Amino acid sequence: FAQINERINDIMEETPGLSENVAR
């Protein structure tokens, strides 16, 4: 789950507006 969180967090930080768009 550390690997999962790291990958998800990296993408979230690099992609503005992603945090509120569930479809994206």
PDBML (XML) file of the C-alpha atoms, coordinates in Angstrom:
<?xml version="1.0" encoding="UTF-8" ?>
<PDBx:datablock datablockName="MODEL"
   xmlns:PDBx="http://pdbml.pdb.org/schema/pdbx-v50.xsd"
   xmlns:xsi="http://www.w3.org/2001/XMLSchema-instance"
   xsi:schemaLocation="http://pdbml.pdb.org/schema/pdbx-v50.xsd pdbx-v50.xsd">
   <PDBx:atom_siteCategory>
      <PDBx:atom_site id="1">
         <PDBx:B_iso_or_equiv>0.00</PDBx:B_iso_or_equiv>
         <PDBx:Cartn_x>0.000</PDBx:Cartn_x>
         <PDBx:Cartn_y>0.000</PDBx:Cartn_y>
         <PDBx:Cartn_z>0.000</PDBx:Cartn_z>
         <PDBx:auth_asym_id>A</PDBx:auth_asym_id>
         <PDBx:auth_atom_id>CA</PDBx:auth_atom_id>
         <PDBx:auth_comp_id>PHE</PDBx:auth_comp_id>
         <PDBx:auth_seq_id>1</PDBx:auth_seq_id>
         <PDBx:group_PDB>ATOM</PDBx:group_PDB>
         <PDBx:label_alt_id xsi:nil="true" />
         <PDBx:label_asym_id>A</PDBx:label_asym_id>
         <PDBx:label_atom_id>CA</PDBx:label_atom_id>
         <PDBx:label_comp_id>PHE</PDBx:label_comp_id>
         <PDBx:label_entity_id>1</PDBx:label_entity_id>
         <PDBx:label_seq_id>1</PDBx:label_seq_id>
         <PDBx:occupancy>1.00</PDBx:occupancy>
         <PDBx:pdbx_PDB_model_num>1</PDBx:pdbx_PDB_model_num>
         <PDBx:type_symbol>C</PDBx:type_symbol>
      </PDBx:atom_site>
      <PDBx:atom_site id="2">
         <PDBx:B_iso_or_equiv>0.00</PDBx:B_iso_or_equiv>
         <PDBx:Cartn_x>2.994</PDBx:Cartn_x>
         <PDBx:Cartn_y>2.310</PDBx:Cartn_y>
         <PDBx:Cartn_z>0.343</PDBx:Cartn_z>
         <PDBx:auth_asym_id>A</PDBx:auth_asym_id>
         <PDBx:auth_atom_id>CA</PDBx:auth_atom_id>
         <PDBx:auth_comp_id>ALA</PDBx:auth_comp_id>
         <PDBx:auth_seq_id>2</PDBx:auth_seq_id>
         <PDBx:group_PDB>ATOM</PDBx:group_PDB>
         <PDBx:label_alt_id xsi:nil="true" />
         <PDBx:label_asym_id>A</PDBx:label_asym_id>
         <PDBx:label_atom_id>CA</PDBx:label_atom_id>
         <PDBx:label_comp_id>ALA</PDBx:label_comp_id>
         <PDBx:label_entity_id>1</PDBx:label_entity_id>
         <PDBx:label_seq_id>2</PDBx:label_seq_id>
         <PDBx:occupancy>1.00</PDBx:occupancy>
         <PDBx:pdbx_PDB_model_num>1</PDBx:pdbx_PDB_model_num>
         <PDBx:type_symbol>C</PDBx:type_symbol>
      </PDBx:atom_site>
      <PDBx:atom_site id="3">
         <PDBx:B_iso_or_equiv>0.00</PDBx:B_iso_or_equiv>
         <PDBx:Cartn_x>3.734</PDBx:Cartn_x>
         <PDBx:Cartn_y>1.604</PDBx:Cartn_y>
         <PDBx:Cartn_z>-3.336</PDBx:Cartn_z>
         <PDBx:auth_asym_id>A</PDBx:auth_asym_id>
         <PDBx:auth_atom_id>CA</PDBx:auth_atom_id>
         <PDBx:auth_comp_id>GLN</PDBx:auth_comp_id>
         <PDBx:auth_seq_id>3</PDBx:auth_seq_id>
         <PDBx:group_PDB>ATOM</PDBx:group_PDB>
         <PDBx:label_alt_id xsi:nil="true" />
         <PDBx:label_asym_id>A</PDBx:label_asym_id>
         <PDBx:label_atom_id>CA</PDBx:label_atom_id>
         <PDBx:label_comp_id>GLN</PDBx:label_comp_id>
         <PDBx:label_entity_id>1</PDBx:label_entity_id>
         <PDBx:label_seq_id>3</PDBx:label_seq_id>
         <PDBx:occupancy>1.00</PDBx:occupancy>
         <PDBx:pdbx_PDB_model_num>1</PDBx:pdbx_PDB_model_num>
         <PDBx:type_symbol>C</PDBx:type_symbol>
      </PDBx:atom_site>
      <PDBx:atom_site id="4">
         <PDBx:B_iso_or_equiv>0.00</PDBx:B_iso_or_equiv>
         <PDBx:Cartn_x>0.090</PDBx:Cartn_x>
         <PDBx:Cartn_y>2.252</PDBx:Cartn_y>
         <PDBx:Cartn_z>-4.256</PDBx:Cartn_z>
         <PDBx:auth_asym_id>A</PDBx:auth_asym_id>
         <PDBx:auth_atom_id>CA</PDBx:auth_atom_id>
         <PDBx:auth_comp_id>ILE</PDBx:auth_comp_id>
         <PDBx:auth_seq_id>4</PDBx:auth_seq_id>
         <PDBx:group_PDB>ATOM</PDBx:group_PDB>
         <PDBx:label_alt_id xsi:nil="true" />
         <PDBx:label_asym_id>A</PDBx:label_asym_id>
         <PDBx:label_atom_id>CA</PDBx:label_atom_id>
         <PDBx:label_comp_id>ILE</PDBx:label_comp_id>
         <PDBx:label_entity_id>1</PDBx:label_entity_id>
         <PDBx:label_seq_id>4</PDBx:label_seq_id>
         <PDBx:occupancy>1.00</PDBx:occupancy>
         <PDBx:pdbx_PDB_model_num>1</PDBx:pdbx_PDB_model_num>
         <PDBx:type_symbol>C</PDBx:type_symbol>
      </PDBx:atom_site>
      <PDBx:atom_site id="5">
         <PDBx:B_iso_or_equiv>0.00</PDBx:B_iso_or_equiv>
         <PDBx:Cartn_x>-0.015</PDBx:Cartn_x>
         <PDBx:Cartn_y>5.505</PDBx:Cartn_y>
         <PDBx:Cartn_z>-2.287</PDBx:Cartn_z>
         <PDBx:auth_asym_id>A</PDBx:auth_asym_id>
         <PDBx:auth_atom_id>CA</PDBx:auth_atom_id>
         <PDBx:auth_comp_id>ASN</PDBx:auth_comp_id>
         <PDBx:auth_seq_id>5</PDBx:auth_seq_id>
         <PDBx:group_PDB>ATOM</PDBx:group_PDB>
         <PDBx:label_alt_id xsi:nil="true" />
         <PDBx:label_asym_id>A</PDBx:label_asym_id>
         <PDBx:label_atom_id>CA</PDBx:label_atom_id>
         <PDBx:label_comp_id>ASN</PDBx:label_comp_id>
         <PDBx:label_entity_id>1</PDBx:label_entity_id>
         <PDBx:label_seq_id>5</PDBx:label_seq_id>
         <PDBx:occupancy>1.00</PDBx:occupancy>
         <PDBx:pdbx_PDB_model_num>1</PDBx:pdbx_PDB_model_num>
         <PDBx:type_symbol>C</PDBx:type_symbol>
      </PDBx:atom_site>
      <PDBx:atom_site id="6">
         <PDBx:B_iso_or_equiv>0.00</PDBx:B_iso_or_equiv>
         <PDBx:Cartn_x>3.272</PDBx:Cartn_x>
         <PDBx:Cartn_y>6.718</PDBx:Cartn_y>
         <PDBx:Cartn_z>-3.719</PDBx:Cartn_z>
         <PDBx:auth_asym_id>A</PDBx:auth_asym_id>
         <PDBx:auth_atom_id>CA</PDBx:auth_atom_id>
         <PDBx:auth_comp_id>GLU</PDBx:auth_comp_id>
         <PDBx:auth_seq_id>6</PDBx:auth_seq_id>
         <PDBx:group_PDB>ATOM</PDBx:group_PDB>
         <PDBx:label_alt_id xsi:nil="true" />
         <PDBx:label_asym_id>A</PDBx:label_asym_id>
         <PDBx:label_atom_id>CA</PDBx:label_atom_id>
         <PDBx:label_comp_id>GLU</PDBx:label_comp_id>
         <PDBx:label_entity_id>1</PDBx:label_entity_id>
         <PDBx:label_seq_id>6</PDBx:label_seq_id>
         <PDBx:occupancy>1.00</PDBx:occupancy>
         <PDBx:pdbx_PDB_model_num>1</PDBx:pdbx_PDB_model_num>
         <PDBx:type_symbol>C</PDBx:type_symbol>
      </PDBx:atom_site>
      <PDBx:atom_site id="7">
         <PDBx:B_iso_or_equiv>0.00</PDBx:B_iso_or_equiv>
         <PDBx:Cartn_x>2.136</PDBx:Cartn_x>
         <PDBx:Cartn_y>6.186</PDBx:Cartn_y>
         <PDBx:Cartn_z>-7.312</PDBx:Cartn_z>
         <PDBx:auth_asym_id>A</PDBx:auth_asym_id>
         <PDBx:auth_atom_id>CA</PDBx:auth_atom_id>
         <PDBx:auth_comp_id>ARG</PDBx:auth_comp_id>
         <PDBx:auth_seq_id>7</PDBx:auth_seq_id>
         <PDBx:group_PDB>ATOM</PDBx:group_PDB>
         <PDBx:label_alt_id xsi:nil="true" />
         <PDBx:label_asym_id>A</PDBx:label_asym_id>
         <PDBx:label_atom_id>CA</PDBx:label_atom_id>
         <PDBx:label_comp_id>ARG</PDBx:label_comp_id>
         <PDBx:label_entity_id>1</PDBx:label_entity_id>
         <PDBx:label_seq_id>7</PDBx:label_seq_id>
         <PDBx:occupancy>1.00</PDBx:occupancy>
         <PDBx:pdbx_PDB_model_num>1</PDBx:pdbx_PDB_model_num>
         <PDBx:type_symbol>C</PDBx:type_symbol>
      </PDBx:atom_site>
      <PDBx:atom_site id="8">
         <PDBx:B_iso_or_equiv>0.00</PDBx:B_iso_or_equiv>
         <PDBx:Cartn_x>-1.259</PDBx:Cartn_x>
         <PDBx:Cartn_y>7.774</PDBx:Cartn_y>
         <PDBx:Cartn_z>-6.739</PDBx:Cartn_z>
         <PDBx:auth_asym_id>A</PDBx:auth_asym_id>
         <PDBx:auth_atom_id>CA</PDBx:auth_atom_id>
         <PDBx:auth_comp_id>ILE</PDBx:auth_comp_id>
         <PDBx:auth_seq_id>8</PDBx:auth_seq_id>
         <PDBx:group_PDB>ATOM</PDBx:group_PDB>
         <PDBx:label_alt_id xsi:nil="true" />
         <PDBx:label_asym_id>A</PDBx:label_asym_id>
         <PDBx:label_atom_id>CA</PDBx:label_atom_id>
         <PDBx:label_comp_id>ILE</PDBx:label_comp_id>
         <PDBx:label_entity_id>1</PDBx:label_entity_id>
         <PDBx:label_seq_id>8</PDBx:label_seq_id>
         <PDBx:occupancy>1.00</PDBx:occupancy>
         <PDBx:pdbx_PDB_model_num>1</PDBx:pdbx_PDB_model_num>
         <PDBx:type_symbol>C</PDBx:type_symbol>
      </PDBx:atom_site>
      <PDBx:atom_site id="9">
         <PDBx:B_iso_or_equiv>0.00</PDBx:B_iso_or_equiv>
         <PDBx:Cartn_x>0.174</PDBx:Cartn_x>
         <PDBx:Cartn_y>10.752</PDBx:Cartn_y>
         <PDBx:Cartn_z>-4.842</PDBx:Cartn_z>
         <PDBx:auth_asym_id>A</PDBx:auth_asym_id>
         <PDBx:auth_atom_id>CA</PDBx:auth_atom_id>
         <PDBx:auth_comp_id>ASN</PDBx:auth_comp_id>
         <PDBx:auth_seq_id>9</PDBx:auth_seq_id>
         <PDBx:group_PDB>ATOM</PDBx:group_PDB>
         <PDBx:label_alt_id xsi:nil="true" />
         <PDBx:label_asym_id>A</PDBx:label_asym_id>
         <PDBx:label_atom_id>CA</PDBx:label_atom_id>
         <PDBx:label_comp_id>ASN</PDBx:label_comp_id>
         <PDBx:label_entity_id>1</PDBx:label_entity_id>
         <PDBx:label_seq_id>9</PDBx:label_seq_id>
         <PDBx:occupancy>1.00</PDBx:occupancy>
         <PDBx:pdbx_PDB_model_num>1</PDBx:pdbx_PDB_model_num>
         <PDBx:type_symbol>C</PDBx:type_symbol>
      </PDBx:atom_site>
      <PDBx:atom_site id="10">
         <PDBx:B_iso_or_equiv>0.00</PDBx:B_iso_or_equiv>
         <PDBx:Cartn_x>2.819</PDBx:Cartn_x>
         <PDBx:Cartn_y>11.393</PDBx:Cartn_y>
         <PDBx:Cartn_z>-7.513</PDBx:Cartn_z>
         <PDBx:auth_asym_id>A</PDBx:auth_asym_id>
         <PDBx:auth_atom_id>CA</PDBx:auth_atom_id>
         <PDBx:auth_comp_id>ASP</PDBx:auth_comp_id>
         <PDBx:auth_seq_id>10</PDBx:auth_seq_id>
         <PDBx:group_PDB>ATOM</PDBx:group_PDB>
         <PDBx:label_alt_id xsi:nil="true" />
         <PDBx:label_asym_id>A</PDBx:label_asym_id>
         <PDBx:label_atom_id>CA</PDBx:label_atom_id>
         <PDBx:label_comp_id>ASP</PDBx:label_comp_id>
         <PDBx:label_entity_id>1</PDBx:label_entity_id>
         <PDBx:label_seq_id>10</PDBx:label_seq_id>
         <PDBx:occupancy>1.00</PDBx:occupancy>
         <PDBx:pdbx_PDB_model_num>1</PDBx:pdbx_PDB_model_num>
         <PDBx:type_symbol>C</PDBx:type_symbol>
      </PDBx:atom_site>
      <PDBx:atom_site id="11">
         <PDBx:B_iso_or_equiv>0.00</PDBx:B_iso_or_equiv>
         <PDBx:Cartn_x>0.178</PDBx:Cartn_x>
         <PDBx:Cartn_y>11.523</PDBx:Cartn_y>
         <PDBx:Cartn_z>-10.250</PDBx:Cartn_z>
         <PDBx:auth_asym_id>A</PDBx:auth_asym_id>
         <PDBx:auth_atom_id>CA</PDBx:auth_atom_id>
         <PDBx:auth_comp_id>ILE</PDBx:auth_comp_id>
         <PDBx:auth_seq_id>11</PDBx:auth_seq_id>
         <PDBx:group_PDB>ATOM</PDBx:group_PDB>
         <PDBx:label_alt_id xsi:nil="true" />
         <PDBx:label_asym_id>A</PDBx:label_asym_id>
         <PDBx:label_atom_id>CA</PDBx:label_atom_id>
         <PDBx:label_comp_id>ILE</PDBx:label_comp_id>
         <PDBx:label_entity_id>1</PDBx:label_entity_id>
         <PDBx:label_seq_id>11</PDBx:label_seq_id>
         <PDBx:occupancy>1.00</PDBx:occupancy>
         <PDBx:pdbx_PDB_model_num>1</PDBx:pdbx_PDB_model_num>
         <PDBx:type_symbol>C</PDBx:type_symbol>
      </PDBx:atom_site>
      <PDBx:atom_site id="12">
         <PDBx:B_iso_or_equiv>0.00</PDBx:B_iso_or_equiv>
         <PDBx:Cartn_x>-2.174</PDBx:Cartn_x>
         <PDBx:Cartn_y>13.668</PDBx:Cartn_y>
         <PDBx:Cartn_z>-8.132</PDBx:Cartn_z>
         <PDBx:auth_asym_id>A</PDBx:auth_asym_id>
         <PDBx:auth_atom_id>CA</PDBx:auth_atom_id>
         <PDBx:auth_comp_id>MET</PDBx:auth_comp_id>
         <PDBx:auth_seq_id>12</PDBx:auth_seq_id>
         <PDBx:group_PDB>ATOM</PDBx:group_PDB>
         <PDBx:label_alt_id xsi:nil="true" />
         <PDBx:label_asym_id>A</PDBx:label_asym_id>
         <PDBx:label_atom_id>CA</PDBx:label_atom_id>
         <PDBx:label_comp_id>MET</PDBx:label_comp_id>
         <PDBx:label_entity_id>1</PDBx:label_entity_id>
         <PDBx:label_seq_id>12</PDBx:label_seq_id>
         <PDBx:occupancy>1.00</PDBx:occupancy>
         <PDBx:pdbx_PDB_model_num>1</PDBx:pdbx_PDB_model_num>
         <PDBx:type_symbol>C</PDBx:type_symbol>
      </PDBx:atom_site>
      <PDBx:atom_site id="13">
         <PDBx:B_iso_or_equiv>0.00</PDBx:B_iso_or_equiv>
         <PDBx:Cartn_x>0.606</PDBx:Cartn_x>
         <PDBx:Cartn_y>16.211</PDBx:Cartn_y>
         <PDBx:Cartn_z>-7.497</PDBx:Cartn_z>
         <PDBx:auth_asym_id>A</PDBx:auth_asym_id>
         <PDBx:auth_atom_id>CA</PDBx:auth_atom_id>
         <PDBx:auth_comp_id>GLU</PDBx:auth_comp_id>
         <PDBx:auth_seq_id>13</PDBx:auth_seq_id>
         <PDBx:group_PDB>ATOM</PDBx:group_PDB>
         <PDBx:label_alt_id xsi:nil="true" />
         <PDBx:label_asym_id>A</PDBx:label_asym_id>
         <PDBx:label_atom_id>CA</PDBx:label_atom_id>
         <PDBx:label_comp_id>GLU</PDBx:label_comp_id>
         <PDBx:label_entity_id>1</PDBx:label_entity_id>
         <PDBx:label_seq_id>13</PDBx:label_seq_id>
         <PDBx:occupancy>1.00</PDBx:occupancy>
         <PDBx:pdbx_PDB_model_num>1</PDBx:pdbx_PDB_model_num>
         <PDBx:type_symbol>C</PDBx:type_symbol>
      </PDBx:atom_site>
      <PDBx:atom_site id="14">
         <PDBx:B_iso_or_equiv>0.00</PDBx:B_iso_or_equiv>
         <PDBx:Cartn_x>1.522</PDBx:Cartn_x>
         <PDBx:Cartn_y>16.355</PDBx:Cartn_y>
         <PDBx:Cartn_z>-11.178</PDBx:Cartn_z>
         <PDBx:auth_asym_id>A</PDBx:auth_asym_id>
         <PDBx:auth_atom_id>CA</PDBx:auth_atom_id>
         <PDBx:auth_comp_id>GLU</PDBx:auth_comp_id>
         <PDBx:auth_seq_id>14</PDBx:auth_seq_id>
         <PDBx:group_PDB>ATOM</PDBx:group_PDB>
         <PDBx:label_alt_id xsi:nil="true" />
         <PDBx:label_asym_id>A</PDBx:label_asym_id>
         <PDBx:label_atom_id>CA</PDBx:label_atom_id>
         <PDBx:label_comp_id>GLU</PDBx:label_comp_id>
         <PDBx:label_entity_id>1</PDBx:label_entity_id>
         <PDBx:label_seq_id>14</PDBx:label_seq_id>
         <PDBx:occupancy>1.00</PDBx:occupancy>
         <PDBx:pdbx_PDB_model_num>1</PDBx:pdbx_PDB_model_num>
         <PDBx:type_symbol>C</PDBx:type_symbol>
      </PDBx:atom_site>
      <PDBx:atom_site id="15">
         <PDBx:B_iso_or_equiv>0.00</PDBx:B_iso_or_equiv>
         <PDBx:Cartn_x>-2.098</PDBx:Cartn_x>
         <PDBx:Cartn_y>16.751</PDBx:Cartn_y>
         <PDBx:Cartn_z>-12.368</PDBx:Cartn_z>
         <PDBx:auth_asym_id>A</PDBx:auth_asym_id>
         <PDBx:auth_atom_id>CA</PDBx:auth_atom_id>
         <PDBx:auth_comp_id>THR</PDBx:auth_comp_id>
         <PDBx:auth_seq_id>15</PDBx:auth_seq_id>
         <PDBx:group_PDB>ATOM</PDBx:group_PDB>
         <PDBx:label_alt_id xsi:nil="true" />
         <PDBx:label_asym_id>A</PDBx:label_asym_id>
         <PDBx:label_atom_id>CA</PDBx:label_atom_id>
         <PDBx:label_comp_id>THR</PDBx:label_comp_id>
         <PDBx:label_entity_id>1</PDBx:label_entity_id>
         <PDBx:label_seq_id>15</PDBx:label_seq_id>
         <PDBx:occupancy>1.00</PDBx:occupancy>
         <PDBx:pdbx_PDB_model_num>1</PDBx:pdbx_PDB_model_num>
         <PDBx:type_symbol>C</PDBx:type_symbol>
      </PDBx:atom_site>
      <PDBx:atom_site id="16">
         <PDBx:B_iso_or_equiv>0.00</PDBx:B_iso_or_equiv>
         <PDBx:Cartn_x>-3.912</PDBx:Cartn_x>
         <PDBx:Cartn_y>19.900</PDBx:Cartn_y>
         <PDBx:Cartn_z>-11.190</PDBx:Cartn_z>
         <PDBx:auth_asym_id>A</PDBx:auth_asym_id>
         <PDBx:auth_atom_id>CA</PDBx:auth_atom_id>
         <PDBx:auth_comp_id>PRO</PDBx:auth_comp_id>
         <PDBx:auth_seq_id>16</PDBx:auth_seq_id>
         <PDBx:group_PDB>ATOM</PDBx:group_PDB>
         <PDBx:label_alt_id xsi:nil="true" />
         <PDBx:label_asym_id>A</PDBx:label_asym_id>
         <PDBx:label_atom_id>CA</PDBx:label_atom_id>
         <PDBx:label_comp_id>PRO</PDBx:label_comp_id>
         <PDBx:label_entity_id>1</PDBx:label_entity_id>
         <PDBx:label_seq_id>16</PDBx:label_seq_id>
         <PDBx:occupancy>1.00</PDBx:occupancy>
         <PDBx:pdbx_PDB_model_num>1</PDBx:pdbx_PDB_model_num>
         <PDBx:type_symbol>C</PDBx:type_symbol>
      </PDBx:atom_site>
      <PDBx:atom_site id="17">
         <PDBx:B_iso_or_equiv>0.00</PDBx:B_iso_or_equiv>
         <PDBx:Cartn_x>-7.664</PDBx:Cartn_x>
         <PDBx:Cartn_y>19.515</PDBx:Cartn_y>
         <PDBx:Cartn_z>-10.730</PDBx:Cartn_z>
         <PDBx:auth_asym_id>A</PDBx:auth_asym_id>
         <PDBx:auth_atom_id>CA</PDBx:auth_atom_id>
         <PDBx:auth_comp_id>GLY</PDBx:auth_comp_id>
         <PDBx:auth_seq_id>17</PDBx:auth_seq_id>
         <PDBx:group_PDB>ATOM</PDBx:group_PDB>
         <PDBx:label_alt_id xsi:nil="true" />
         <PDBx:label_asym_id>A</PDBx:label_asym_id>
         <PDBx:label_atom_id>CA</PDBx:label_atom_id>
         <PDBx:label_comp_id>GLY</PDBx:label_comp_id>
         <PDBx:label_entity_id>1</PDBx:label_entity_id>
         <PDBx:label_seq_id>17</PDBx:label_seq_id>
         <PDBx:occupancy>1.00</PDBx:occupancy>
         <PDBx:pdbx_PDB_model_num>1</PDBx:pdbx_PDB_model_num>
         <PDBx:type_symbol>C</PDBx:type_symbol>
      </PDBx:atom_site>
      <PDBx:atom_site id="18">
         <PDBx:B_iso_or_equiv>0.00</PDBx:B_iso_or_equiv>
         <PDBx:Cartn_x>-7.548</PDBx:Cartn_x>
         <PDBx:Cartn_y>15.739</PDBx:Cartn_y>
         <PDBx:Cartn_z>-10.527</PDBx:Cartn_z>
         <PDBx:auth_asym_id>A</PDBx:auth_asym_id>
         <PDBx:auth_atom_id>CA</PDBx:auth_atom_id>
         <PDBx:auth_comp_id>LEU</PDBx:auth_comp_id>
         <PDBx:auth_seq_id>18</PDBx:auth_seq_id>
         <PDBx:group_PDB>ATOM</PDBx:group_PDB>
         <PDBx:label_alt_id xsi:nil="true" />
         <PDBx:label_asym_id>A</PDBx:label_asym_id>
         <PDBx:label_atom_id>CA</PDBx:label_atom_id>
         <PDBx:label_comp_id>LEU</PDBx:label_comp_id>
         <PDBx:label_entity_id>1</PDBx:label_entity_id>
         <PDBx:label_seq_id>18</PDBx:label_seq_id>
         <PDBx:occupancy>1.00</PDBx:occupancy>
         <PDBx:pdbx_PDB_model_num>1</PDBx:pdbx_PDB_model_num>
         <PDBx:type_symbol>C</PDBx:type_symbol>
      </PDBx:atom_site>
      <PDBx:atom_site id="19">
         <PDBx:B_iso_or_equiv>0.00</PDBx:B_iso_or_equiv>
         <PDBx:Cartn_x>-8.448</PDBx:Cartn_x>
         <PDBx:Cartn_y>15.526</PDBx:Cartn_y>
         <PDBx:Cartn_z>-6.834</PDBx:Cartn_z>
         <PDBx:auth_asym_id>A</PDBx:auth_asym_id>
         <PDBx:auth_atom_id>CA</PDBx:auth_atom_id>
         <PDBx:auth_comp_id>SER</PDBx:auth_comp_id>
         <PDBx:auth_seq_id>19</PDBx:auth_seq_id>
         <PDBx:group_PDB>ATOM</PDBx:group_PDB>
         <PDBx:label_alt_id xsi:nil="true" />
         <PDBx:label_asym_id>A</PDBx:label_asym_id>
         <PDBx:label_atom_id>CA</PDBx:label_atom_id>
         <PDBx:label_comp_id>SER</PDBx:label_comp_id>
         <PDBx:label_entity_id>1</PDBx:label_entity_id>
         <PDBx:label_seq_id>19</PDBx:label_seq_id>
         <PDBx:occupancy>1.00</PDBx:occupancy>
         <PDBx:pdbx_PDB_model_num>1</PDBx:pdbx_PDB_model_num>
         <PDBx:type_symbol>C</PDBx:type_symbol>
      </PDBx:atom_site>
      <PDBx:atom_site id="20">
         <PDBx:B_iso_or_equiv>0.00</PDBx:B_iso_or_equiv>
         <PDBx:Cartn_x>-12.097</PDBx:Cartn_x>
         <PDBx:Cartn_y>16.524</PDBx:Cartn_y>
         <PDBx:Cartn_z>-7.371</PDBx:Cartn_z>
         <PDBx:auth_asym_id>A</PDBx:auth_asym_id>
         <PDBx:auth_atom_id>CA</PDBx:auth_atom_id>
         <PDBx:auth_comp_id>GLU</PDBx:auth_comp_id>
         <PDBx:auth_seq_id>20</PDBx:auth_seq_id>
         <PDBx:group_PDB>ATOM</PDBx:group_PDB>
         <PDBx:label_alt_id xsi:nil="true" />
         <PDBx:label_asym_id>A</PDBx:label_asym_id>
         <PDBx:label_atom_id>CA</PDBx:label_atom_id>
         <PDBx:label_comp_id>GLU</PDBx:label_comp_id>
         <PDBx:label_entity_id>1</PDBx:label_entity_id>
         <PDBx:label_seq_id>20</PDBx:label_seq_id>
         <PDBx:occupancy>1.00</PDBx:occupancy>
         <PDBx:pdbx_PDB_model_num>1</PDBx:pdbx_PDB_model_num>
         <PDBx:type_symbol>C</PDBx:type_symbol>
      </PDBx:atom_site>
      <PDBx:atom_site id="21">
         <PDBx:B_iso_or_equiv>0.00</PDBx:B_iso_or_equiv>
         <PDBx:Cartn_x>-12.727</PDBx:Cartn_x>
         <PDBx:Cartn_y>14.781</PDBx:Cartn_y>
         <PDBx:Cartn_z>-10.694</PDBx:Cartn_z>
         <PDBx:auth_asym_id>A</PDBx:auth_asym_id>
         <PDBx:auth_atom_id>CA</PDBx:auth_atom_id>
         <PDBx:auth_comp_id>ASN</PDBx:auth_comp_id>
         <PDBx:auth_seq_id>21</PDBx:auth_seq_id>
         <PDBx:group_PDB>ATOM</PDBx:group_PDB>
         <PDBx:label_alt_id xsi:nil="true" />
         <PDBx:label_asym_id>A</PDBx:label_asym_id>
         <PDBx:label_atom_id>CA</PDBx:label_atom_id>
         <PDBx:label_comp_id>ASN</PDBx:label_comp_id>
         <PDBx:label_entity_id>1</PDBx:label_entity_id>
         <PDBx:label_seq_id>21</PDBx:label_seq_id>
         <PDBx:occupancy>1.00</PDBx:occupancy>
         <PDBx:pdbx_PDB_model_num>1</PDBx:pdbx_PDB_model_num>
         <PDBx:type_symbol>C</PDBx:type_symbol>
      </PDBx:atom_site>
      <PDBx:atom_site id="22">
         <PDBx:B_iso_or_equiv>0.00</PDBx:B_iso_or_equiv>
         <PDBx:Cartn_x>-13.572</PDBx:Cartn_x>
         <PDBx:Cartn_y>11.147</PDBx:Cartn_y>
         <PDBx:Cartn_z>-9.957</PDBx:Cartn_z>
         <PDBx:auth_asym_id>A</PDBx:auth_asym_id>
         <PDBx:auth_atom_id>CA</PDBx:auth_atom_id>
         <PDBx:auth_comp_id>VAL</PDBx:auth_comp_id>
         <PDBx:auth_seq_id>22</PDBx:auth_seq_id>
         <PDBx:group_PDB>ATOM</PDBx:group_PDB>
         <PDBx:label_alt_id xsi:nil="true" />
         <PDBx:label_asym_id>A</PDBx:label_asym_id>
         <PDBx:label_atom_id>CA</PDBx:label_atom_id>
         <PDBx:label_comp_id>VAL</PDBx:label_comp_id>
         <PDBx:label_entity_id>1</PDBx:label_entity_id>
         <PDBx:label_seq_id>22</PDBx:label_seq_id>
         <PDBx:occupancy>1.00</PDBx:occupancy>
         <PDBx:pdbx_PDB_model_num>1</PDBx:pdbx_PDB_model_num>
         <PDBx:type_symbol>C</PDBx:type_symbol>
      </PDBx:atom_site>
      <PDBx:atom_site id="23">
         <PDBx:B_iso_or_equiv>0.00</PDBx:B_iso_or_equiv>
         <PDBx:Cartn_x>-14.069</PDBx:Cartn_x>
         <PDBx:Cartn_y>10.192</PDBx:Cartn_y>
         <PDBx:Cartn_z>-13.614</PDBx:Cartn_z>
         <PDBx:auth_asym_id>A</PDBx:auth_asym_id>
         <PDBx:auth_atom_id>CA</PDBx:auth_atom_id>
         <PDBx:auth_comp_id>ALA</PDBx:auth_comp_id>
         <PDBx:auth_seq_id>23</PDBx:auth_seq_id>
         <PDBx:group_PDB>ATOM</PDBx:group_PDB>
         <PDBx:label_alt_id xsi:nil="true" />
         <PDBx:label_asym_id>A</PDBx:label_asym_id>
         <PDBx:label_atom_id>CA</PDBx:label_atom_id>
         <PDBx:label_comp_id>ALA</PDBx:label_comp_id>
         <PDBx:label_entity_id>1</PDBx:label_entity_id>
         <PDBx:label_seq_id>23</PDBx:label_seq_id>
         <PDBx:occupancy>1.00</PDBx:occupancy>
         <PDBx:pdbx_PDB_model_num>1</PDBx:pdbx_PDB_model_num>
         <PDBx:type_symbol>C</PDBx:type_symbol>
      </PDBx:atom_site>
      <PDBx:atom_site id="24">
         <PDBx:B_iso_or_equiv>0.00</PDBx:B_iso_or_equiv>
         <PDBx:Cartn_x>-10.548</PDBx:Cartn_x>
         <PDBx:Cartn_y>11.418</PDBx:Cartn_y>
         <PDBx:Cartn_z>-14.452</PDBx:Cartn_z>
         <PDBx:auth_asym_id>A</PDBx:auth_asym_id>
         <PDBx:auth_atom_id>CA</PDBx:auth_atom_id>
         <PDBx:auth_comp_id>ARG</PDBx:auth_comp_id>
         <PDBx:auth_seq_id>24</PDBx:auth_seq_id>
         <PDBx:group_PDB>ATOM</PDBx:group_PDB>
         <PDBx:label_alt_id xsi:nil="true" />
         <PDBx:label_asym_id>A</PDBx:label_asym_id>
         <PDBx:label_atom_id>CA</PDBx:label_atom_id>
         <PDBx:label_comp_id>ARG</PDBx:label_comp_id>
         <PDBx:label_entity_id>1</PDBx:label_entity_id>
         <PDBx:label_seq_id>24</PDBx:label_seq_id>
         <PDBx:occupancy>1.00</PDBx:occupancy>
         <PDBx:pdbx_PDB_model_num>1</PDBx:pdbx_PDB_model_num>
         <PDBx:type_symbol>C</PDBx:type_symbol>
      </PDBx:atom_site>
   </PDBx:atom_siteCategory>
</PDBx:datablock>
